[in-house]
PDB file of N, CA and C in Angstrom:
ATOM      1  N   LEU A   1      80.531   8.508-155.654  1.00  0.00           N
ATOM      2  CA  LEU A   1      80.531   8.194-154.234  1.00  0.00           C
ATOM      3  C   LEU A   1      81.029   9.418-153.486  1.00  0.00           C
ATOM      4  N   ASN A   2      80.200   9.966-152.644  1.00  0.00           N
ATOM      5  CA  ASN A   2      80.553  11.145-151.867  1.00  0.00           C
ATOM      6  C   ASN A   2      81.049  10.684-150.495  1.00  0.00           C
ATOM      7  N   LEU A   3      82.376  10.619-150.340  1.00  0.00           N
ATOM      8  CA  LEU A   3      82.951  10.100-149.098  1.00  0.00           C
ATOM      9  C   LEU A   3      82.654  10.996-147.907  1.00  0.00           C
ATOM     10  N   ASP A   4      82.635  12.313-148.105  1.00  0.00           N
ATOM     11  CA  ASP A   4      82.328  13.215-146.992  1.00  0.00           C
ATOM     12  C   ASP A   4      80.915  12.968-146.464  1.00  0.00           C
ATOM     13  N   ARG A   5      79.982  12.788-147.378  1.00  0.00           N
ATOM     14  CA  ARG A   5      78.603  12.518-146.969  1.00  0.00           C
ATOM     15  C   ARG A   5      78.515  11.167-146.262  1.00  0.00           C
ATOM     16  N   LEU A   6      79.212  10.174-146.788  1.00  0.00           N
ATOM     17  CA  LEU A   6      79.218   8.852-146.170  1.00  0.00           C
ATOM     18  C   LEU A   6      79.798   8.913-144.762  1.00  0.00           C
ATOM     19  N   ARG A   7      80.900   9.632-144.595  1.00  0.00           N
ATOM     20  CA  ARG A   7      81.510   9.758-143.264  1.00  0.00           C
ATOM     21  C   ARG A   7      80.571  10.476-142.293  1.00  0.00           C
ATOM     22  N   ALA A   8      79.854  11.492-142.774  1.00  0.00           N
ATOM     23  CA  ALA A   8      78.898  12.199-141.918  1.00  0.00           C
ATOM     24  C   ALA A   8      77.797  11.248-141.445  1.00  0.00           C
ATOM     25  N   HIS A   9      77.313  10.402-142.338  1.00  0.00           N
ATOM     26  CA  HIS A   9      76.297   9.414-141.954  1.00  0.00           C
ATOM     27  C   HIS A   9      76.864   8.426-140.936  1.00  0.00           C
ATOM     28  N   MET A  10      78.125   8.045-141.107  1.00  0.00           N
ATOM     29  CA  MET A  10      78.750   7.111-140.165  1.00  0.00           C
ATOM     30  C   MET A  10      78.843   7.727-138.778  1.00  0.00           C
ATOM     31  N   VAL A  11      79.214   8.996-138.704  1.00  0.00           N
ATOM     32  CA  VAL A  11      79.318   9.672-137.409  1.00  0.00           C
ATOM     33  C   VAL A  11      77.946   9.728-136.738  1.00  0.00           C
ATOM     34  N   GLU A  12      76.924  10.098-137.498  1.00  0.00           N
ATOM     35  CA  GLU A  12      75.569  10.147-136.945  1.00  0.00           C
ATOM     36  C   GLU A  12      75.129   8.776-136.440  1.00  0.00           C
ATOM     37  N   ALA A  13      75.390   7.747-137.223  1.00  0.00           N
ATOM     38  CA  ALA A  13      75.001   6.393-136.827  1.00  0.00           C
ATOM     39  C   ALA A  13      75.775   5.937-135.597  1.00  0.00           C
ATOM     40  N   ALA A  14      77.063   6.265-135.541  1.00  0.00           N
ATOM     41  CA  ALA A  14      77.880   5.885-134.387  1.00  0.00           C
ATOM     42  C   ALA A  14      77.376   6.568-133.120  1.00  0.00           C
ATOM     43  N   GLU A  15      77.030   7.843-133.236  1.00  0.00           N
ATOM     44  CA  GLU A  15      76.496   8.561-132.078  1.00  0.00           C
ATOM     45  C   GLU A  15      75.176   7.950-131.626  1.00  0.00           C
ATOM     46  N   GLN A  16      74.346   7.575-132.575  1.00  0.00           N
ATOM     47  CA  GLN A  16      73.038   7.008-132.260  1.00  0.00           C
ATOM     48  C   GLN A  16      73.159   5.690-131.504  1.00  0.00           C
ATOM     49  N   CYS A  17      74.136   4.858-131.877  1.00  0.00           N
ATOM     50  CA  CYS A  17      74.240   3.538-131.245  1.00  0.00           C
ATOM     51  C   CYS A  17      75.331   3.464-130.179  1.00  0.00           C
ATOM     52  N   GLY A  18      75.984   4.586-129.884  1.00  0.00           N
ATOM     53  CA  GLY A  18      76.993   4.602-128.833  1.00  0.00           C
ATOM     54  C   GLY A  18      78.309   3.968-129.223  1.00  0.00           C
ATOM     55  N   ARG A  19      78.574   3.867-130.486  1.00  0.00           N
ATOM     56  CA  ARG A  19      79.829   3.279-130.960  1.00  0.00           C
ATOM     57  C   ARG A  19      80.946   4.313-130.844  1.00  0.00           C
ATOM     58  N   THR A  20      82.101   3.896-130.350  1.00  0.00           N
ATOM     59  CA  THR A  20      83.206   4.840-130.170  1.00  0.00           C
ATOM     60  C   THR A  20      84.221   4.800-131.301  1.00  0.00           C
ATOM     61  N   ALA A  21      84.174   3.779-132.121  1.00  0.00           N
ATOM     62  CA  ALA A  21      85.123   3.669-133.239  1.00  0.00           C
ATOM     63  C   ALA A  21      84.341   3.640-134.547  1.00  0.00           C
ATOM     64  N   LEU A  22      84.891   4.298-135.551  1.00  0.00           N
ATOM     65  CA  LEU A  22      84.248   4.329-136.864  1.00  0.00           C
ATOM     66  C   LEU A  22      84.932   3.359-137.815  1.00  0.00           C
ATOM     67  N   PRO A  23      84.178   2.762-138.723  1.00  0.00           N
ATOM     68  CA  PRO A  23      84.807   1.930-139.756  1.00  0.00           C
ATOM     69  C   PRO A  23      85.685   2.796-140.653  1.00  0.00           C
ATOM     70  N   VAL A  24      86.607   2.174-141.321  1.00  0.00           N
ATOM     71  CA  VAL A  24      87.468   2.881-142.263  1.00  0.00           C
ATOM     72  C   VAL A  24      86.767   2.925-143.615  1.00  0.00           C
ATOM     73  N   VAL A  25      86.706   4.097-144.196  1.00  0.00           N
ATOM     74  CA  VAL A  25      86.146   4.258-145.534  1.00  0.00           C
ATOM     75  C   VAL A  25      87.250   4.820-146.407  1.00  0.00           C
ATOM     76  N   ALA A  26      87.544   4.124-147.480  1.00  0.00           N
ATOM     77  CA  ALA A  26      88.634   4.534-148.373  1.00  0.00           C
ATOM     78  C   ALA A  26      88.080   4.842-149.756  1.00  0.00           C
ATOM     79  N   GLU A  27      88.901   5.463-150.555  1.00  0.00           N
ATOM     80  CA  GLU A  27      88.540   5.725-151.943  1.00  0.00           C
ATOM     81  C   GLU A  27      88.297   4.385-152.647  1.00  0.00           C
ATOM     82  N   PRO A  28      87.381   4.355-153.577  1.00  0.00           N
ATOM     83  CA  PRO A  28      87.144   3.112-154.320  1.00  0.00           C
ATOM     84  C   PRO A  28      88.398   2.665-155.079  1.00  0.00           C
ATOM     85  N   VAL A  29      88.597   1.358-155.128  1.00  0.00           N
ATOM     86  CA  VAL A  29      89.701   0.770-155.895  1.00  0.00           C
ATOM     87  C   VAL A  29      89.118  -0.342-156.758  1.00  0.00           C
ATOM     88  N   SER A  30      89.857  -0.731-157.762  1.00  0.00           N
ATOM     89  CA  SER A  30      89.394  -1.834-158.604  1.00  0.00           C
ATOM     90  C   SER A  30      89.461  -3.137-157.813  1.00  0.00           C
ATOM     91  N   LEU A  31      88.651  -4.088-158.211  1.00  0.00           N
ATOM     92  CA  LEU A  31      88.669  -5.389-157.548  1.00  0.00           C
ATOM     93  C   LEU A  31      90.050  -6.022-157.658  1.00  0.00           C
ATOM     94  N   ALA A  32      90.681  -5.902-158.815  1.00  0.00           N
ATOM     95  CA  ALA A  32      92.019  -6.480-159.007  1.00  0.00           C
ATOM     96  C   ALA A  32      93.015  -5.881-158.019  1.00  0.00           C
ATOM     97  N   ASP A  33      92.979  -4.562-157.831  1.00  0.00           N
ATOM     98  CA  ASP A  33      93.890  -3.921-156.875  1.00  0.00           C
ATOM     99  C   ASP A  33      93.588  -4.354-155.445  1.00  0.00           C
ATOM    100  N   LEU A  34      92.310  -4.436-155.104  1.00  0.00           N
ATOM    101  CA  LEU A  34      91.928  -4.870-153.763  1.00  0.00           C
ATOM    102  C   LEU A  34      92.480  -6.261-153.478  1.00  0.00           C
ATOM    103  N   LEU A  35      92.275  -7.178-154.407  1.00  0.00           N
ATOM    104  CA  LEU A  35      92.717  -8.558-154.200  1.00  0.00           C
ATOM    105  C   LEU A  35      94.234  -8.669-154.186  1.00  0.00           C
ATOM    106  N   ARG A  36      94.897  -7.926-155.055  1.00  0.00           N
ATOM    107  CA  ARG A  36      96.363  -7.960-155.120  1.00  0.00           C
ATOM    108  C   ARG A  36      96.980  -7.469-153.808  1.00  0.00           C
ATOM    109  N   ASN A  37      96.343  -6.519-153.155  1.00  0.00           N
ATOM    110  CA  ASN A  37      96.891  -5.917-151.938  1.00  0.00           C
ATOM    111  C   ASN A  37      96.223  -6.421-150.663  1.00  0.00           C
ATOM    112  N   TRP A  38      95.440  -7.499-150.766  1.00  0.00           N
ATOM    113  CA  TRP A  38      94.740  -8.008-149.593  1.00  0.00           C
ATOM    114  C   TRP A  38      95.758  -8.502-148.571  1.00  0.00           C
ATOM    115  N   PRO A  39      95.652  -8.081-147.300  1.00  0.00           N
ATOM    116  CA  PRO A  39      96.624  -8.477-146.273  1.00  0.00           C
ATOM    117  C   PRO A  39      96.637  -9.988-146.035  1.00  0.00           C
ATOM    118  N   ALA A  40      97.820 -10.545-145.972  1.00  0.00           N
ATOM    119  CA  ALA A  40      97.967 -11.976-145.690  1.00  0.00           C
ATOM    120  C   ALA A  40      97.377 -12.276-144.317  1.00  0.00           C
ATOM    121  N   GLY A  41      96.652 -13.361-144.227  1.00  0.00           N
ATOM    122  CA  GLY A  41      96.095 -13.778-142.950  1.00  0.00           C
ATOM    123  C   GLY A  41      94.761 -13.145-142.600  1.00  0.00           C
ATOM    124  N   ARG A  42      94.284 -12.207-143.399  1.00  0.00           N
ATOM    125  CA  ARG A  42      92.988 -11.574-143.115  1.00  0.00           C
ATOM    126  C   ARG A  42      91.899 -12.285-143.910  1.00  0.00           C
ATOM    127  N   ALA A  43      90.849 -12.687-143.217  1.00  0.00           N
ATOM    128  CA  ALA A  43      89.731 -13.356-143.883  1.00  0.00           C
ATOM    129  C   ALA A  43      88.991 -12.373-144.788  1.00  0.00           C
ATOM    130  N   LEU A  44      88.466 -12.898-145.885  1.00  0.00           N
ATOM    131  CA  LEU A  44      87.660 -12.116-146.816  1.00  0.00           C
ATOM    132  C   LEU A  44      86.365 -12.880-147.070  1.00  0.00           C
ATOM    133  N   VAL A  45      85.318 -12.486-146.386  1.00  0.00           N
ATOM    134  CA  VAL A  45      84.005 -13.103-146.556  1.00  0.00           C
ATOM    135  C   VAL A  45      83.355 -12.434-147.758  1.00  0.00           C
ATOM    136  N   PHE A  46      83.003 -13.230-148.772  1.00  0.00           N
ATOM    137  CA  PHE A  46      82.379 -12.608-149.937  1.00  0.00           C
ATOM    138  C   PHE A  46      81.081 -13.295-150.312  1.00  0.00           C
ATOM    139  N   ALA A  47      80.111 -12.467-150.646  1.00  0.00           N
ATOM    140  CA  ALA A  47      78.791 -12.955-151.030  1.00  0.00           C
ATOM    141  C   ALA A  47      78.866 -13.510-152.440  1.00  0.00           C
ATOM    142  N   ASP A  48      78.604 -14.799-152.555  1.00  0.00           N
ATOM    143  CA  ASP A  48      78.705 -15.477-153.844  1.00  0.00           C
ATOM    144  C   ASP A  48      77.336 -16.020-154.224  1.00  0.00           C
ATOM    145  N   ASP A  49      76.686 -15.351-155.171  1.00  0.00           N
ATOM    146  CA  ASP A  49      75.348 -15.790-155.561  1.00  0.00           C
ATOM    147  C   ASP A  49      75.367 -17.127-156.288  1.00  0.00           C
ATOM    148  N   ALA A  50      76.548 -17.613-156.661  1.00  0.00           N
ATOM    149  CA  ALA A  50      76.665 -18.926-157.290  1.00  0.00           C
ATOM    150  C   ALA A  50      76.715 -20.034-156.242  1.00  0.00           C
ATOM    151  N   GLY A  51      76.771 -19.660-154.980  1.00  0.00           N
ATOM    152  CA  GLY A  51      76.765 -20.647-153.912  1.00  0.00           C
ATOM    153  C   GLY A  51      77.949 -20.508-152.989  1.00  0.00           C
ATOM    154  N   GLY A  52      77.747 -20.875-151.791  1.00  0.00           N
ATOM    155  CA  GLY A  52      78.769 -20.829-150.757  1.00  0.00           C
ATOM    156  C   GLY A  52      78.162 -21.397-149.494  1.00  0.00           C
ATOM    157  N   GLU A  53      78.947 -21.420-148.450  1.00  0.00           N
ATOM    158  CA  GLU A  53      78.419 -21.924-147.187  1.00  0.00           C
ATOM    159  C   GLU A  53      77.469 -20.897-146.581  1.00  0.00           C
ATOM    160  N   SER A  54      76.813 -21.277-145.509  1.00  0.00           N
ATOM    161  CA  SER A  54      75.873 -20.351-144.881  1.00  0.00           C
ATOM    162  C   SER A  54      76.621 -19.118-144.388  1.00  0.00           C
ATOM    163  N   LEU A  55      75.933 -18.010-144.360  1.00  0.00           N
ATOM    164  CA  LEU A  55      76.544 -16.770-143.889  1.00  0.00           C
ATOM    165  C   LEU A  55      77.025 -16.916-142.452  1.00  0.00           C
ATOM    166  N   VAL A  56      76.234 -17.544-141.608  1.00  0.00           N
ATOM    167  CA  VAL A  56      76.623 -17.731-140.209  1.00  0.00           C
ATOM    168  C   VAL A  56      77.875 -18.605-140.121  1.00  0.00           C
ATOM    169  N   GLY A  57      77.905 -19.711-140.865  1.00  0.00           N
ATOM    170  CA  GLY A  57      79.069 -20.596-140.845  1.00  0.00           C
ATOM    171  C   GLY A  57      80.321 -19.918-141.363  1.00  0.00           C
ATOM    172  N   GLY A  58      80.203 -19.181-142.451  1.00  0.00           N
ATOM    173  CA  GLY A  58      81.351 -18.479-143.005  1.00  0.00           C
ATOM    174  C   GLY A  58      81.869 -17.410-142.070  1.00  0.00           C
ATOM    175  N   CYS A  59      80.962 -16.672-141.448  1.00  0.00           N
ATOM    176  CA  CYS A  59      81.379 -15.622-140.518  1.00  0.00           C
ATOM    177  C   CYS A  59      82.060 -16.213-139.289  1.00  0.00           C
ATOM    178  N   ALA A  60      81.618 -17.386-138.864  1.00  0.00           N
ATOM    179  CA  ALA A  60      82.236 -18.036-137.707  1.00  0.00           C
ATOM    180  C   ALA A  60      83.691 -18.403-137.986  1.00  0.00           C
ATOM    181  N   ARG A  61      84.035 -18.592-139.259  1.00  0.00           N
ATOM    182  CA  ARG A  61      85.416 -18.934-139.625  1.00  0.00           C
ATOM    183  C   ARG A  61      86.246 -17.705-139.974  1.00  0.00           C
ATOM    184  N   ALA A  62      85.711 -16.507-139.758  1.00  0.00           N
ATOM    185  CA  ALA A  62      86.384 -15.273-140.166  1.00  0.00           C
ATOM    186  C   ALA A  62      86.666 -14.392-138.953  1.00  0.00           C
ATOM    187  N   PRO A  63      87.755 -14.674-138.242  1.00  0.00           N
ATOM    188  CA  PRO A  63      88.057 -13.870-137.061  1.00  0.00           C
ATOM    189  C   PRO A  63      88.450 -12.443-137.447  1.00  0.00           C
ATOM    190  N   ALA A  64      88.296 -11.550-136.498  1.00  0.00           N
ATOM    191  CA  ALA A  64      88.697 -10.152-136.726  1.00  0.00           C
ATOM    192  C   ALA A  64      90.215 -10.058-136.788  1.00  0.00           C
ATOM    193  N   PRO A  65      90.736  -9.173-137.575  1.00  0.00           N
ATOM    194  CA  PRO A  65      90.010  -8.330-138.520  1.00  0.00           C
ATOM    195  C   PRO A  65      89.679  -9.117-139.783  1.00  0.00           C
ATOM    196  N   ALA A  66      88.553  -8.821-140.342  1.00  0.00           N
ATOM    197  CA  ALA A  66      88.109  -9.487-141.569  1.00  0.00           C
ATOM    198  C   ALA A  66      87.488  -8.449-142.483  1.00  0.00           C
ATOM    199  N   GLY A  67      87.339  -8.825-143.732  1.00  0.00           N
ATOM    200  CA  GLY A  67      86.667  -7.961-144.688  1.00  0.00           C
ATOM    201  C   GLY A  67      85.426  -8.647-145.202  1.00  0.00           C
ATOM    202  N   VAL A  68      84.457  -7.841-145.591  1.00  0.00           N
ATOM    203  CA  VAL A  68      83.226  -8.348-146.191  1.00  0.00           C
ATOM    204  C   VAL A  68      83.120  -7.721-147.565  1.00  0.00           C
ATOM    205  N   LEU A  69      82.990  -8.555-148.580  1.00  0.00           N
ATOM    206  CA  LEU A  69      82.945  -8.082-149.960  1.00  0.00           C
ATOM    207  C   LEU A  69      81.595  -8.433-150.573  1.00  0.00           C
ATOM    208  N   ILE A  70      80.890  -7.395-150.982  1.00  0.00           N
ATOM    209  CA  ILE A  70      79.590  -7.546-151.626  1.00  0.00           C
ATOM    210  C   ILE A  70      79.757  -7.088-153.063  1.00  0.00           C
ATOM    211  N   GLY A  71      79.299  -7.876-153.983  1.00  0.00           N
ATOM    212  CA  GLY A  71      79.450  -7.529-155.394  1.00  0.00           C
ATOM    213  C   GLY A  71      78.389  -6.568-155.877  1.00  0.00           C
ATOM    214  N   PRO A  72      78.443  -6.274-157.141  1.00  0.00           N
ATOM    215  CA  PRO A  72      77.444  -5.390-157.732  1.00  0.00           C
ATOM    216  C   PRO A  72      76.098  -6.105-157.816  1.00  0.00           C
ATOM    217  N   GLU A  73      75.046  -5.327-157.972  1.00  0.00           N
ATOM    218  CA  GLU A  73      73.749  -5.955-158.183  1.00  0.00           C
ATOM    219  C   GLU A  73      73.856  -6.766-159.465  1.00  0.00           C
ATOM    220  N   GLY A  74      73.460  -8.010-159.394  1.00  0.00           N
ATOM    221  CA  GLY A  74      73.648  -8.918-160.515  1.00  0.00           C
ATOM    222  C   GLY A  74      74.764  -9.910-160.239  1.00  0.00           C
ATOM    223  N   GLY A  75      75.558  -9.647-159.203  1.00  0.00           N
ATOM    224  CA  GLY A  75      76.591 -10.584-158.786  1.00  0.00           C
ATOM    225  C   GLY A  75      77.921 -10.409-159.482  1.00  0.00           C
ATOM    226  N   PHE A  76      78.899 -11.165-159.006  1.00  0.00           N
ATOM    227  CA  PHE A  76      80.232 -11.168-159.590  1.00  0.00           C
ATOM    228  C   PHE A  76      80.223 -11.963-160.890  1.00  0.00           C
ATOM    229  N   SER A  77      81.115 -11.603-161.807  1.00  0.00           N
ATOM    230  CA  SER A  77      81.290 -12.399-163.022  1.00  0.00           C
ATOM    231  C   SER A  77      82.048 -13.672-162.653  1.00  0.00           C
ATOM    232  N   ASP A  78      82.059 -14.644-163.549  1.00  0.00           N
ATOM    233  CA  ASP A  78      82.805 -15.880-163.294  1.00  0.00           C
ATOM    234  C   ASP A  78      84.281 -15.582-163.059  1.00  0.00           C
ATOM    235  N   GLY A  79      84.856 -14.667-163.839  1.00  0.00           N
ATOM    236  CA  GLY A  79      86.263 -14.306-163.676  1.00  0.00           C
ATOM    237  C   GLY A  79      86.535 -13.637-162.342  1.00  0.00           C
ATOM    238  N   GLU A  80      85.646 -12.733-161.934  1.00  0.00           N
ATOM    239  CA  GLU A  80      85.805 -12.068-160.635  1.00  0.00           C
ATOM    240  C   GLU A  80      85.702 -13.081-159.501  1.00  0.00           C
ATOM    241  N   ARG A  81      84.731 -13.974-159.615  1.00  0.00           N
ATOM    242  CA  ARG A  81      84.538 -15.002-158.590  1.00  0.00           C
ATOM    243  C   ARG A  81      85.789 -15.871-158.458  1.00  0.00           C
ATOM    244  N   ALA A  82      86.374 -16.264-159.570  1.00  0.00           N
ATOM    245  CA  ALA A  82      87.587 -17.088-159.539  1.00  0.00           C
ATOM    246  C   ALA A  82      88.742 -16.317-158.910  1.00  0.00           C
ATOM    247  N   ALA A  83      88.866 -15.045-159.236  1.00  0.00           N
ATOM    248  CA  ALA A  83      89.949 -14.229-158.666  1.00  0.00           C
ATOM    249  C   ALA A  83      89.787 -14.088-157.156  1.00  0.00           C
ATOM    250  N   ILE A  84      88.572 -13.871-156.699  1.00  0.00           N
ATOM    251  CA  ILE A  84      88.331 -13.731-155.259  1.00  0.00           C
ATOM    252  C   ILE A  84      88.634 -15.042-154.551  1.00  0.00           C
ATOM    253  N   ARG A  85      88.162 -16.153-155.115  1.00  0.00           N
ATOM    254  CA  ARG A  85      88.415 -17.461-154.495  1.00  0.00           C
ATOM    255  C   ARG A  85      89.908 -17.785-154.434  1.00  0.00           C
ATOM    256  N   GLY A  86      90.699 -17.150-155.294  1.00  0.00           N
ATOM    257  CA  GLY A  86      92.136 -17.375-155.300  1.00  0.00           C
ATOM    258  C   GLY A  86      92.886 -16.669-154.186  1.00  0.00           C
ATOM    259  N   VAL A  87      92.219 -15.796-153.460  1.00  0.00           N
ATOM    260  CA  VAL A  87      92.847 -15.069-152.359  1.00  0.00           C
ATOM    261  C   VAL A  87      92.878 -15.960-151.123  1.00  0.00           C
ATOM    262  N   SER A  88      94.037 -16.050-150.487  1.00  0.00           N
ATOM    263  CA  SER A  88      94.148 -16.817-149.256  1.00  0.00           C
ATOM    264  C   SER A  88      93.227 -16.195-148.208  1.00  0.00           C
ATOM    265  N   GLY A  89      92.402 -16.990-147.594  1.00  0.00           N
ATOM    266  CA  GLY A  89      91.479 -16.488-146.580  1.00  0.00           C
ATOM    267  C   GLY A  89      90.103 -16.149-147.109  1.00  0.00           C
ATOM    268  N   ALA A  90      89.871 -16.341-148.422  1.00  0.00           N
ATOM    269  CA  ALA A  90      88.555 -16.047-148.994  1.00  0.00           C
ATOM    270  C   ALA A  90      87.545 -17.101-148.555  1.00  0.00           C
ATOM    271  N   ILE A  91      86.374 -16.643-148.152  1.00  0.00           N
ATOM    272  CA  ILE A  91      85.302 -17.528-147.707  1.00  0.00           C
ATOM    273  C   ILE A  91      84.041 -17.138-148.468  1.00  0.00           C
ATOM    274  N   ALA A  92      83.590 -18.011-149.357  1.00  0.00           N
ATOM    275  CA  ALA A  92      82.372 -17.751-150.124  1.00  0.00           C
ATOM    276  C   ALA A  92      81.163 -18.075-149.262  1.00  0.00           C
ATOM    277  N   VAL A  93      80.225 -17.147-149.193  1.00  0.00           N
ATOM    278  CA  VAL A  93      79.015 -17.360-148.411  1.00  0.00           C
ATOM    279  C   VAL A  93      77.786 -17.056-149.258  1.00  0.00           C
ATOM    280  N   SER A  94      76.698 -17.640-148.852  1.00  0.00           N
ATOM    281  CA  SER A  94      75.405 -17.369-149.474  1.00  0.00           C
ATOM    282  C   SER A  94      74.618 -16.440-148.561  1.00  0.00           C
ATOM    283  N   LEU A  95      73.968 -15.459-149.154  1.00  0.00           N
ATOM    284  CA  LEU A  95      73.105 -14.568-148.376  1.00  0.00           C
ATOM    285  C   LEU A  95      71.655 -15.039-148.398  1.00  0.00           C
ATOM    286  N   GLY A  96      71.434 -16.258-148.880  1.00  0.00           N
ATOM    287  CA  GLY A  96      70.096 -16.822-148.879  1.00  0.00           C
ATOM    288  C   GLY A  96      69.440 -16.767-150.246  1.00  0.00           C
ATOM    289  N   PRO A  97      68.207 -17.229-150.325  1.00  0.00           N
ATOM    290  CA  PRO A  97      67.534 -17.366-151.617  1.00  0.00           C
ATOM    291  C   PRO A  97      66.995 -16.057-152.195  1.00  0.00           C
ATOM    292  N   ARG A  98      66.917 -15.017-151.410  1.00  0.00           N
ATOM    293  CA  ARG A  98      66.356 -13.752-151.881  1.00  0.00           C
ATOM    294  C   ARG A  98      67.439 -12.870-152.481  1.00  0.00           C
ATOM    295  N   ILE A  99      67.085 -12.122-153.501  1.00  0.00           N
ATOM    296  CA  ILE A  99      68.009 -11.162-154.100  1.00  0.00           C
ATOM    297  C   ILE A  99      67.960  -9.889-153.267  1.00  0.00           C
ATOM    298  N   LEU A 100      69.127  -9.439-152.818  1.00  0.00           N
ATOM    299  CA  LEU A 100      69.217  -8.233-151.997  1.00  0.00           C
ATOM    300  C   LEU A 100      69.909  -7.122-152.772  1.00  0.00           C
ATOM    301  N   ARG A 101      69.508  -5.898-152.522  1.00  0.00           N
ATOM    302  CA  ARG A 101      70.238  -4.758-153.072  1.00  0.00           C
ATOM    303  C   ARG A 101      71.619  -4.755-152.425  1.00  0.00           C
ATOM    304  N   ALA A 102      72.587  -4.176-153.105  1.00  0.00           N
ATOM    305  CA  ALA A 102      73.969  -4.197-152.618  1.00  0.00           C
ATOM    306  C   ALA A 102      74.088  -3.580-151.227  1.00  0.00           C
ATOM    307  N   ASP A 103      73.424  -2.445-150.991  1.00  0.00           N
ATOM    308  CA  ASP A 103      73.546  -1.809-149.678  1.00  0.00           C
ATOM    309  C   ASP A 103      72.887  -2.648-148.584  1.00  0.00           C
ATOM    310  N   THR A 104      71.786  -3.300-148.901  1.00  0.00           N
ATOM    311  CA  THR A 104      71.131  -4.176-147.935  1.00  0.00           C
ATOM    312  C   THR A 104      71.990  -5.407-147.672  1.00  0.00           C
ATOM    313  N   ALA A 105      72.566  -5.975-148.713  1.00  0.00           N
ATOM    314  CA  ALA A 105      73.428  -7.151-148.565  1.00  0.00           C
ATOM    315  C   ALA A 105      74.617  -6.837-147.664  1.00  0.00           C
ATOM    316  N   ALA A 106      75.206  -5.664-147.828  1.00  0.00           N
ATOM    317  CA  ALA A 106      76.350  -5.275-146.993  1.00  0.00           C
ATOM    318  C   ALA A 106      75.936  -5.175-145.531  1.00  0.00           C
ATOM    319  N   ALA A 107      74.798  -4.551-145.266  1.00  0.00           N
ATOM    320  CA  ALA A 107      74.330  -4.413-143.886  1.00  0.00           C
ATOM    321  C   ALA A 107      74.038  -5.777-143.268  1.00  0.00           C
ATOM    322  N   VAL A 108      73.421  -6.665-144.025  1.00  0.00           N
ATOM    323  CA  VAL A 108      73.122  -8.012-143.534  1.00  0.00           C
ATOM    324  C   VAL A 108      74.415  -8.757-143.210  1.00  0.00           C
ATOM    325  N   ALA A 109      75.353  -8.764-144.140  1.00  0.00           N
ATOM    326  CA  ALA A 109      76.595  -9.523-143.950  1.00  0.00           C
ATOM    327  C   ALA A 109      77.411  -8.990-142.776  1.00  0.00           C
ATOM    328  N   VAL A 110      77.565  -7.685-142.686  1.00  0.00           N
ATOM    329  CA  VAL A 110      78.337  -7.108-141.577  1.00  0.00           C
ATOM    330  C   VAL A 110      77.618  -7.345-140.252  1.00  0.00           C
ATOM    331  N   GLY A 111      76.300  -7.201-140.239  1.00  0.00           N
ATOM    332  CA  GLY A 111      75.545  -7.436-139.010  1.00  0.00           C
ATOM    333  C   GLY A 111      75.675  -8.865-138.517  1.00  0.00           C
ATOM    334  N   VAL A 112      75.588  -9.822-139.420  1.00  0.00           N
ATOM    335  CA  VAL A 112      75.745 -11.226-139.030  1.00  0.00           C
ATOM    336  C   VAL A 112      77.172 -11.479-138.559  1.00  0.00           C
ATOM    337  N   TRP A 113      78.165 -10.938-139.281  1.00  0.00           N
ATOM    338  CA  TRP A 113      79.563 -11.130-138.861  1.00  0.00           C
ATOM    339  C   TRP A 113      79.763 -10.584-137.450  1.00  0.00           C
ATOM    340  N   GLN A 114      79.244  -9.385-137.177  1.00  0.00           N
ATOM    341  CA  GLN A 114      79.394  -8.802-135.843  1.00  0.00           C
ATOM    342  C   GLN A 114      78.702  -9.657-134.785  1.00  0.00           C
ATOM    343  N   ALA A 115      77.519 -10.166-135.084  1.00  0.00           N
ATOM    344  CA  ALA A 115      76.796 -10.986-134.116  1.00  0.00           C
ATOM    345  C   ALA A 115      77.522 -12.298-133.833  1.00  0.00           C
ATOM    346  N   VAL A 116      78.048 -12.922-134.877  1.00  0.00           N
ATOM    347  CA  VAL A 116      78.710 -14.219-134.721  1.00  0.00           C
ATOM    348  C   VAL A 116      80.063 -14.079-134.026  1.00  0.00           C
ATOM    349  N   THR A 117      80.824 -13.057-134.394  1.00  0.00           N
ATOM    350  CA  THR A 117      82.175 -12.902-133.835  1.00  0.00           C
ATOM    351  C   THR A 117      82.211 -11.977-132.628  1.00  0.00           C
ATOM    352  N   ARG A 118      81.082 -11.361-132.347  1.00  0.00           N
ATOM    353  CA  ARG A 118      80.998 -10.345-131.294  1.00  0.00           C
ATOM    354  C   ARG A 118      81.978  -9.211-131.561  1.00  0.00           C
ATOM    355  N   GLY A 119      82.150  -8.939-132.877  1.00  0.00           N
ATOM    356  CA  GLY A 119      83.096  -7.915-133.324  1.00  0.00           C
ATOM    357  C   GLY A 119      82.547  -6.529-133.224  1.00  0.00           C
TER     358      GLY A 119
END
């Protein structure tokens, strides 16, 4: 993962759409570390291919600030899914019947969250 390249793309995209604030991009961490350090009271919307509520419904229950977690292509393992569901504020959502690439799934989930919450 080339963070400098990713940040450059974010700046270009922000300029294109007139956005004044950039998302935070951090070094990759393990799922266990992410969940262990998840801020209390912050919603965590996660794409669960095993089932969840509608993306729109889940996003409506996730006020800002919130996180969106997309798993690897192929989905989360049963153990990962259980660990995520154990986090206070976790909201399992379905991205629909179609299989999406991870980058497409992230764009869909964040876009819907922004539209629903006006975030």
